């Protein structure tokens, strides 16, 4: 089993976006980042959000895959 961290770009990913589709497909195995600065990204805020999501995902499984898009990549 693998746990996944969903890392959208600016302004998240809407319901039609491939990341959201994958997140629904992966269910509880997926953790989406939640920075406070979605629309005006702050590097420290995003790094903290990715680290927090990674830590949450790694509690589910020792193998963690990151699915990043645009700015997040």
C-alpha atoms as a PDB file:
ATOM      1  CA  UNK A   1       0.000   0.000   0.000  1.00  0.00           C
ATOM      2  CA  UNK A   2       1.079   3.570  -0.665  1.00  0.00           C
ATOM      3  CA  UNK A   3      -0.105   6.801   0.924  1.00  0.00           C
ATOM      4  CA  UNK A   4      -0.433   9.884  -1.287  1.00  0.00           C
ATOM      5  CA  UNK A   5       0.076  13.596  -0.683  1.00  0.00           C
ATOM      6  CA  UNK A   6      -1.952  15.792  -3.050  1.00  0.00           C
ATOM      7  CA  UNK A   7      -0.175  19.105  -3.678  1.00  0.00           C
ATOM      8  CA  UNK A   8      -2.254  21.362  -5.954  1.00  0.00           C
ATOM      9  CA  UNK A   9      -1.015  24.599  -7.435  1.00  0.00           C
ATOM     10  CA  UNK A  10      -2.319  28.108  -6.781  1.00  0.00           C
ATOM     11  CA  UNK A  11      -6.007  28.249  -5.759  1.00  0.00           C
ATOM     12  CA  UNK A  12      -6.231  24.471  -5.135  1.00  0.00           C
ATOM     13  CA  UNK A  13      -7.678  22.090  -7.717  1.00  0.00           C
ATOM     14  CA  UNK A  14     -11.378  22.228  -8.477  1.00  0.00           C
ATOM     15  CA  UNK A  15     -13.742  19.249  -8.579  1.00  0.00           C
ATOM     16  CA  UNK A  16     -12.965  18.551 -12.260  1.00  0.00           C
ATOM     17  CA  UNK A  17      -9.187  18.539 -11.846  1.00  0.00           C
ATOM     18  CA  UNK A  18      -7.225  15.276 -12.201  1.00  0.00           C
ATOM     19  CA  UNK A  19      -5.751  15.680  -8.711  1.00  0.00           C
ATOM     20  CA  UNK A  20      -9.202  15.837  -7.147  1.00  0.00           C
ATOM     21  CA  UNK A  21     -10.272  12.800  -9.155  1.00  0.00           C
ATOM     22  CA  UNK A  22      -7.230  10.856  -7.955  1.00  0.00           C
ATOM     23  CA  UNK A  23      -7.843  11.996  -4.388  1.00  0.00           C
ATOM     24  CA  UNK A  24     -11.399  10.600  -4.533  1.00  0.00           C
ATOM     25  CA  UNK A  25     -10.081   7.368  -6.070  1.00  0.00           C
ATOM     26  CA  UNK A  26      -7.389   6.937  -3.395  1.00  0.00           C
ATOM     27  CA  UNK A  27      -9.813   7.708  -0.556  1.00  0.00           C
ATOM     28  CA  UNK A  28      -8.329   7.591   2.933  1.00  0.00           C
ATOM     29  CA  UNK A  29      -4.874   6.906   1.443  1.00  0.00           C
ATOM     30  CA  UNK A  30      -4.732  10.511   0.177  1.00  0.00           C
ATOM     31  CA  UNK A  31      -3.900  13.641   2.156  1.00  0.00           C
ATOM     32  CA  UNK A  32      -4.273  17.082   0.540  1.00  0.00           C
ATOM     33  CA  UNK A  33      -2.119  19.979   1.695  1.00  0.00           C
ATOM     34  CA  UNK A  34      -3.908  22.939   3.238  1.00  0.00           C
ATOM     35  CA  UNK A  35      -1.763  26.064   3.265  1.00  0.00           C
ATOM     36  CA  UNK A  36      -3.324  29.330   4.394  1.00  0.00           C
ATOM     37  CA  UNK A  37      -1.884  31.157   1.381  1.00  0.00           C
ATOM     38  CA  UNK A  38      -3.630  29.371  -1.528  1.00  0.00           C
ATOM     39  CA  UNK A  39      -4.007  32.460  -3.745  1.00  0.00           C
ATOM     40  CA  UNK A  40      -0.815  34.304  -2.786  1.00  0.00           C
ATOM     41  CA  UNK A  41       1.626  31.501  -1.989  1.00  0.00           C
ATOM     42  CA  UNK A  42       4.046  31.995   0.855  1.00  0.00           C
ATOM     43  CA  UNK A  43       6.979  29.564   0.625  1.00  0.00           C
ATOM     44  CA  UNK A  44       7.231  28.845   4.359  1.00  0.00           C
ATOM     45  CA  UNK A  45       3.467  28.293   4.604  1.00  0.00           C
ATOM     46  CA  UNK A  46       3.509  25.840   1.674  1.00  0.00           C
ATOM     47  CA  UNK A  47       6.588  23.987   2.932  1.00  0.00           C
ATOM     48  CA  UNK A  48       4.943  23.614   6.346  1.00  0.00           C
ATOM     49  CA  UNK A  49       1.707  22.377   4.717  1.00  0.00           C
ATOM     50  CA  UNK A  50       3.577  19.793   2.633  1.00  0.00           C
ATOM     51  CA  UNK A  51       5.540  18.596   5.659  1.00  0.00           C
ATOM     52  CA  UNK A  52       2.370  18.268   7.732  1.00  0.00           C
ATOM     53  CA  UNK A  53       0.561  16.348   4.981  1.00  0.00           C
ATOM     54  CA  UNK A  54       3.605  14.113   4.489  1.00  0.00           C
ATOM     55  CA  UNK A  55       3.718  13.320   8.203  1.00  0.00           C
ATOM     56  CA  UNK A  56       0.003  12.481   8.182  1.00  0.00           C
ATOM     57  CA  UNK A  57       0.401  10.278   5.106  1.00  0.00           C
ATOM     58  CA  UNK A  58       3.455   8.487   6.485  1.00  0.00           C
ATOM     59  CA  UNK A  59       1.407   7.410   9.512  1.00  0.00           C
ATOM     60  CA  UNK A  60      -0.756   5.425   7.074  1.00  0.00           C
ATOM     61  CA  UNK A  61       2.130   3.789   5.223  1.00  0.00           C
ATOM     62  CA  UNK A  62       5.898   3.955   5.060  1.00  0.00           C
ATOM     63  CA  UNK A  63       5.727   4.544   1.307  1.00  0.00           C
ATOM     64  CA  UNK A  64       4.493   8.020   0.377  1.00  0.00           C
ATOM     65  CA  UNK A  65       4.018   9.389  -3.149  1.00  0.00           C
ATOM     66  CA  UNK A  66       3.670  13.115  -3.856  1.00  0.00           C
ATOM     67  CA  UNK A  67       1.252  14.221  -6.600  1.00  0.00           C
ATOM     68  CA  UNK A  68       2.156  17.851  -7.331  1.00  0.00           C
ATOM     69  CA  UNK A  69       0.919  20.181 -10.077  1.00  0.00           C
ATOM     70  CA  UNK A  70       2.028  23.561 -11.478  1.00  0.00           C
ATOM     71  CA  UNK A  71       3.435  25.806  -8.722  1.00  0.00           C
ATOM     72  CA  UNK A  72       3.586  22.873  -6.297  1.00  0.00           C
ATOM     73  CA  UNK A  73       5.879  20.929  -8.598  1.00  0.00           C
END
